[in-house]
Amino acid sequence: MTPLISIQDLRLHAGEQLVASLDSLQVNAGECVALVGESGSGKTTSLLAMLGLTIGLRVTGRISAAGVEVVGAAERDLARIRGSRLALISQSPQGALNPTLRLGTLMKRALARHGVRGEAARQRTEEALKSALLDPVLLHRYPHQVSGGQAQRFAIALAVALRAEVILADEPTSALDVTVQAGIIALLRRLKDEHGTALVLVSHDLALVSGIADHVVVMRDGRVVESGTAETVLTRPTEAYTRELLDAVPVLRR
């Protein structure tokens, strides 16, 4: 099986300062790889590097994403895979969505940009909204007129409509209540298990990660501290820092 994302010897520097590094990482279809760690550990920067969104940083190493060699790639080649093959779910989708356009217009324009129009676009939109458990009436609303959970589900529906092979999710449940969080994770898990969508999940929430990740990469100060299957890392960690993160997870006691 050819990985949808393959990383080797990745280094990202701001001047002489190392921002993030990944020696080796692979993401296969139907697999969730979670990047975890405290704020400033390099998780989001590593995620954005997979899309070639590293303005101002010096990047070395190799990233192969959906058949494109990302490091040093021309913008037109990156534009070809962004959205259609790799979709980014930002931490704050309401801020990432164009506030002057209704959600239906955003969906229509995104699909048209990747060559999907007319009846095909309508069918994809309908199927995507259904998969994300969204009422089509939301298409008539502006981003500020929907809740945080609805905006997150719309962003996921957009990725579904574009038939992205990989979803890159940056803290997709932050600032959402626990009920909405559970719905978002259930949706992502369903895409992974039923549609073979690959997920790269950035999160500081190990309880959340434990419910969806197949592989966990623990980062600190821009470097990988520990990496392995979710079961191994989350139940039998070998590094003190990983144990500290696990000890910080709240546990309900009677």
Protein backbone atom coordinates (compact mmCIF):
# COMPACT_ATOMS: atom_id res chain seq x y z
CA MET A 1 0.00 0.00 0.00
CA THR A 2 1.36 3.40 -1.02
CA PRO A 3 1.04 5.95 1.81
CA LEU A 4 -1.08 9.00 1.09
CA ILE A 5 1.43 11.06 3.07
CA SER A 6 5.08 10.12 3.57
CA ILE A 7 7.58 12.28 5.45
CA GLN A 8 11.32 11.80 5.78
CA ASP A 9 13.85 13.96 7.66
CA LEU A 10 11.57 17.00 7.77
CA ARG A 11 13.04 20.12 9.41
CA LEU A 12 11.36 23.52 9.64
CA HIS A 13 13.39 26.51 10.79
CA ALA A 14 12.58 30.16 11.48
CA GLY A 15 16.03 31.65 11.02
CA GLU A 16 18.28 29.44 13.13
CA GLN A 17 15.45 28.34 15.43
CA LEU A 18 14.08 24.83 14.90
CA VAL A 19 10.28 25.05 14.83
CA ALA A 20 9.40 21.45 14.07
CA SER A 21 11.01 18.21 12.94
CA LEU A 22 9.73 14.79 11.92
CA ASP A 23 12.22 12.07 11.05
CA SER A 24 9.68 9.68 9.58
CA LEU A 25 5.90 9.57 9.27
CA GLN A 26 3.46 7.71 7.06
CA VAL A 27 -0.30 8.05 6.77
CA ASN A 28 -2.28 5.35 4.96
CA ALA A 29 -5.86 5.24 3.72
CA GLY A 30 -8.33 4.58 6.53
CA GLU A 31 -5.78 5.48 9.20
CA CYS A 32 -5.70 8.26 11.79
CA VAL A 33 -2.35 9.65 12.89
CA ALA A 34 -2.53 12.06 15.83
CA LEU A 35 0.10 14.69 16.61
CA VAL A 36 -0.15 15.53 20.29
CA GLY A 37 1.68 17.77 22.74
CA GLU A 38 1.46 21.10 24.52
CA SER A 39 1.08 24.45 22.75
CA GLY A 40 4.22 25.42 20.84
CA SER A 41 5.35 21.83 20.33
CA GLY A 42 5.29 22.08 16.53
CA LYS A 43 2.09 20.13 15.86
CA THR A 44 0.25 22.67 13.73
CA THR A 45 3.39 23.73 11.86
CA SER A 46 4.03 20.11 10.93
CA LEU A 47 0.42 19.77 9.76
CA LEU A 48 0.57 22.88 7.60
CA ALA A 49 3.86 21.72 6.08
CA MET A 50 1.99 18.77 4.58
CA LEU A 51 0.05 21.30 2.49
CA GLY A 52 3.07 23.45 1.69
CA LEU A 53 1.74 26.26 3.89
CA THR A 54 5.03 27.23 5.49
CA ILE A 55 5.53 30.86 4.45
CA GLY A 56 8.57 32.39 6.14
CA LEU A 57 10.05 29.06 7.21
CA ARG A 58 13.05 27.24 5.79
CA VAL A 59 12.00 23.69 4.97
CA THR A 60 14.30 20.75 4.33
CA GLY A 61 13.61 17.06 3.96
CA ARG A 62 10.90 15.29 2.00
CA ILE A 63 7.11 15.35 2.09
CA SER A 64 5.17 13.30 -0.42
CA ALA A 65 1.44 14.08 -0.28
CA ALA A 66 -1.06 12.54 -2.70
CA GLY A 67 1.71 11.91 -5.19
CA VAL A 68 3.19 15.43 -5.05
CA GLU A 69 6.63 16.21 -3.66
CA VAL A 70 5.60 19.14 -1.49
CA VAL A 71 8.99 20.60 -0.53
CA GLY A 72 10.00 22.89 -3.37
CA ALA A 73 6.81 22.24 -5.38
CA ALA A 74 5.34 24.92 -7.62
CA GLU A 75 2.22 26.61 -6.28
CA ARG A 76 0.13 25.31 -9.20
CA ASP A 77 1.02 21.72 -8.25
CA LEU A 78 0.09 22.33 -4.61
CA ALA A 79 -3.18 24.00 -5.62
CA ARG A 80 -4.06 20.84 -7.56
CA ILE A 81 -4.10 18.68 -4.40
CA ARG A 82 -5.32 21.19 -1.83
CA GLY A 83 -9.00 20.66 -1.22
CA SER A 84 -9.52 17.95 -3.81
CA ARG A 85 -7.14 15.41 -2.26
CA LEU A 86 -5.98 16.99 1.01
CA ALA A 87 -8.47 19.07 2.99
CA LEU A 88 -7.64 21.28 5.98
CA ILE A 89 -10.08 21.62 8.86
CA SER A 90 -8.85 24.66 10.77
CA GLN A 91 -9.11 25.18 14.50
CA SER A 92 -11.59 28.01 13.96
CA PRO A 93 -13.60 27.33 10.78
CA GLN A 94 -15.86 30.33 11.29
CA GLY A 95 -12.77 32.53 11.01
CA ALA A 96 -11.43 30.59 8.02
CA LEU A 97 -14.65 30.78 5.99
CA ASN A 98 -15.28 33.90 3.88
CA PRO A 99 -17.71 35.96 6.01
CA THR A 100 -19.22 37.72 2.98
CA LEU A 101 -20.49 34.53 1.31
CA ARG A 102 -23.30 32.19 2.24
CA LEU A 103 -22.25 28.61 3.00
CA GLY A 104 -24.00 27.39 -0.15
CA THR A 105 -21.95 29.78 -2.29
CA LEU A 106 -18.75 28.67 -0.55
CA MET A 107 -19.57 25.03 -1.27
CA LYS A 108 -20.49 25.76 -4.89
CA ARG A 109 -17.33 27.77 -5.56
CA ALA A 110 -15.08 25.18 -3.94
CA LEU A 111 -16.55 22.38 -6.06
CA ALA A 112 -16.38 24.48 -9.23
CA ARG A 113 -12.73 25.26 -8.56
CA HIS A 114 -12.06 21.53 -8.77
CA GLY A 115 -14.20 20.96 -11.85
CA VAL A 116 -17.47 19.83 -10.23
CA ARG A 117 -20.53 21.77 -11.42
CA GLY A 118 -24.23 21.46 -12.11
CA GLU A 119 -26.08 18.32 -11.12
CA ALA A 120 -22.90 16.59 -9.96
CA ALA A 121 -22.20 19.47 -7.56
CA ARG A 122 -25.78 19.38 -6.26
CA GLN A 123 -25.62 15.64 -5.58
CA ARG A 124 -22.25 15.85 -3.88
CA THR A 125 -23.46 18.72 -1.70
CA GLU A 126 -26.58 16.81 -0.70
CA GLU A 127 -24.62 13.66 0.16
CA ALA A 128 -21.97 15.61 2.07
CA LEU A 129 -24.50 17.48 4.19
CA LYS A 130 -26.26 14.23 4.99
CA SER A 131 -23.01 12.57 6.05
CA ALA A 132 -22.25 15.54 8.32
CA LEU A 133 -25.77 15.49 9.79
CA LEU A 134 -26.47 19.03 8.60
CA ASP A 135 -29.79 20.54 7.52
CA PRO A 136 -29.58 21.93 3.94
CA VAL A 137 -31.14 25.17 5.24
CA LEU A 138 -27.65 26.06 6.55
CA LEU A 139 -26.54 26.66 2.97
CA HIS A 140 -28.55 29.90 3.03
CA ARG A 141 -26.69 31.22 6.08
CA TYR A 142 -23.46 33.14 6.50
CA PRO A 143 -20.61 31.71 8.63
CA HIS A 144 -21.44 34.00 11.57
CA GLN A 145 -25.02 32.71 11.59
CA VAL A 146 -24.11 29.12 12.50
CA SER A 147 -22.73 27.62 15.69
CA GLY A 148 -19.15 26.46 16.15
CA GLY A 149 -20.20 22.84 15.87
CA GLN A 150 -22.17 23.49 12.68
CA ALA A 151 -19.21 25.35 11.18
CA GLN A 152 -16.92 22.42 11.99
CA ARG A 153 -19.36 19.97 10.42
CA PHE A 154 -19.69 22.20 7.35
CA ALA A 155 -15.91 22.23 6.96
CA ILE A 156 -15.93 18.44 7.13
CA ALA A 157 -18.86 18.28 4.68
CA LEU A 158 -16.86 20.42 2.28
CA ALA A 159 -13.99 17.93 2.47
CA VAL A 160 -16.45 15.09 1.88
CA ALA A 161 -17.99 16.85 -1.13
CA LEU A 162 -14.53 17.37 -2.61
CA ARG A 163 -13.84 13.68 -1.92
CA ALA A 164 -10.58 14.46 -0.18
CA GLU A 165 -8.45 11.41 0.50
CA VAL A 166 -6.83 13.00 3.55
CA ILE A 167 -8.38 15.31 6.15
CA LEU A 168 -5.91 17.41 8.11
CA ALA A 169 -7.74 18.47 11.28
CA ASP A 170 -6.21 21.09 13.57
CA GLU A 171 -7.87 20.90 17.01
CA PRO A 172 -11.26 20.25 15.38
CA THR A 173 -13.16 20.12 18.67
CA SER A 174 -11.56 22.99 20.57
CA ALA A 175 -14.00 25.41 22.25
CA LEU A 176 -16.93 23.05 21.60
CA ASP A 177 -19.06 21.48 24.31
CA VAL A 178 -18.58 17.78 25.01
CA THR A 179 -21.75 16.70 23.18
CA VAL A 180 -20.71 18.48 19.97
CA GLN A 181 -17.15 17.15 20.37
CA ALA A 182 -18.48 13.61 20.46
CA GLY A 183 -20.47 14.22 17.28
CA ILE A 184 -17.45 15.61 15.41
CA ILE A 185 -15.25 12.67 16.42
CA ALA A 186 -17.98 10.17 15.51
CA LEU A 187 -18.23 11.78 12.06
CA LEU A 188 -14.46 11.67 11.51
CA ARG A 189 -14.34 8.05 12.70
CA ARG A 190 -17.13 7.13 10.29
CA LEU A 191 -15.28 8.74 7.37
CA LYS A 192 -12.16 6.80 8.32
CA ASP A 193 -13.81 3.43 8.84
CA GLU A 194 -16.49 3.49 6.14
CA HIS A 195 -14.91 5.60 3.40
CA GLY A 196 -11.21 4.92 3.93
CA THR A 197 -10.43 8.59 4.53
CA ALA A 198 -7.02 9.18 6.08
CA LEU A 199 -6.86 11.59 9.02
CA VAL A 200 -4.05 13.64 10.48
CA LEU A 201 -5.32 15.00 13.78
CA VAL A 202 -3.63 17.72 15.82
CA SER A 203 -4.80 17.78 19.42
CA HIS A 204 -3.72 18.33 23.00
CA ASP A 205 -6.69 16.24 24.19
CA LEU A 206 -5.43 12.71 24.79
CA ALA A 207 -8.86 11.48 25.86
CA LEU A 208 -10.22 12.52 22.49
CA VAL A 209 -7.24 11.06 20.64
CA SER A 210 -7.67 7.70 22.34
CA GLY A 211 -11.08 7.32 20.74
CA ILE A 212 -9.99 7.67 17.12
CA ALA A 213 -6.22 7.47 16.56
CA ASP A 214 -4.38 4.44 15.21
CA HIS A 215 -0.93 5.98 15.60
CA VAL A 216 0.21 8.70 18.00
CA VAL A 217 3.19 11.06 17.68
CA VAL A 218 4.07 12.97 20.84
CA MET A 219 5.88 16.28 20.21
CA ARG A 220 7.67 18.70 22.51
CA ASP A 221 9.70 21.81 21.62
CA GLY A 222 9.50 20.94 17.93
CA ARG A 223 10.78 17.40 18.26
CA VAL A 224 9.22 13.95 18.45
CA VAL A 225 9.45 12.56 21.97
CA GLU A 226 7.62 9.30 21.40
CA SER A 227 5.82 7.59 18.52
CA GLY A 228 3.93 4.34 18.11
CA THR A 229 0.54 2.70 17.98
CA ALA A 230 -2.14 4.49 19.96
CA GLU A 231 -2.51 1.52 22.28
CA THR A 232 1.19 1.43 23.09
CA VAL A 233 1.75 5.16 23.51
CA LEU A 234 -1.42 5.80 25.50
CA THR A 235 -1.29 2.75 27.77
CA ARG A 236 2.41 1.85 27.99
CA PRO A 237 4.39 5.06 27.37
CA THR A 238 8.16 4.90 27.64
CA GLU A 239 8.87 8.63 28.00
CA ALA A 240 8.34 10.72 31.14
CA TYR A 241 6.82 13.59 29.12
CA THR A 242 4.15 11.30 27.64
CA ARG A 243 3.31 10.05 31.12
CA GLU A 244 2.97 13.68 32.28
CA LEU A 245 0.50 14.37 29.48
CA LEU A 246 -1.50 11.28 30.37
CA ASP A 247 -1.50 12.16 34.06
CA ALA A 248 -3.00 15.55 33.14
CA VAL A 249 -6.11 13.94 31.61
CA PRO A 250 -9.05 14.47 34.01
CA VAL A 251 -10.47 11.29 35.52
CA LEU A 252 -13.95 11.17 36.97
CA ARG A 253 -14.00 9.52 40.38
CA ARG A 254 -16.95 8.55 42.56
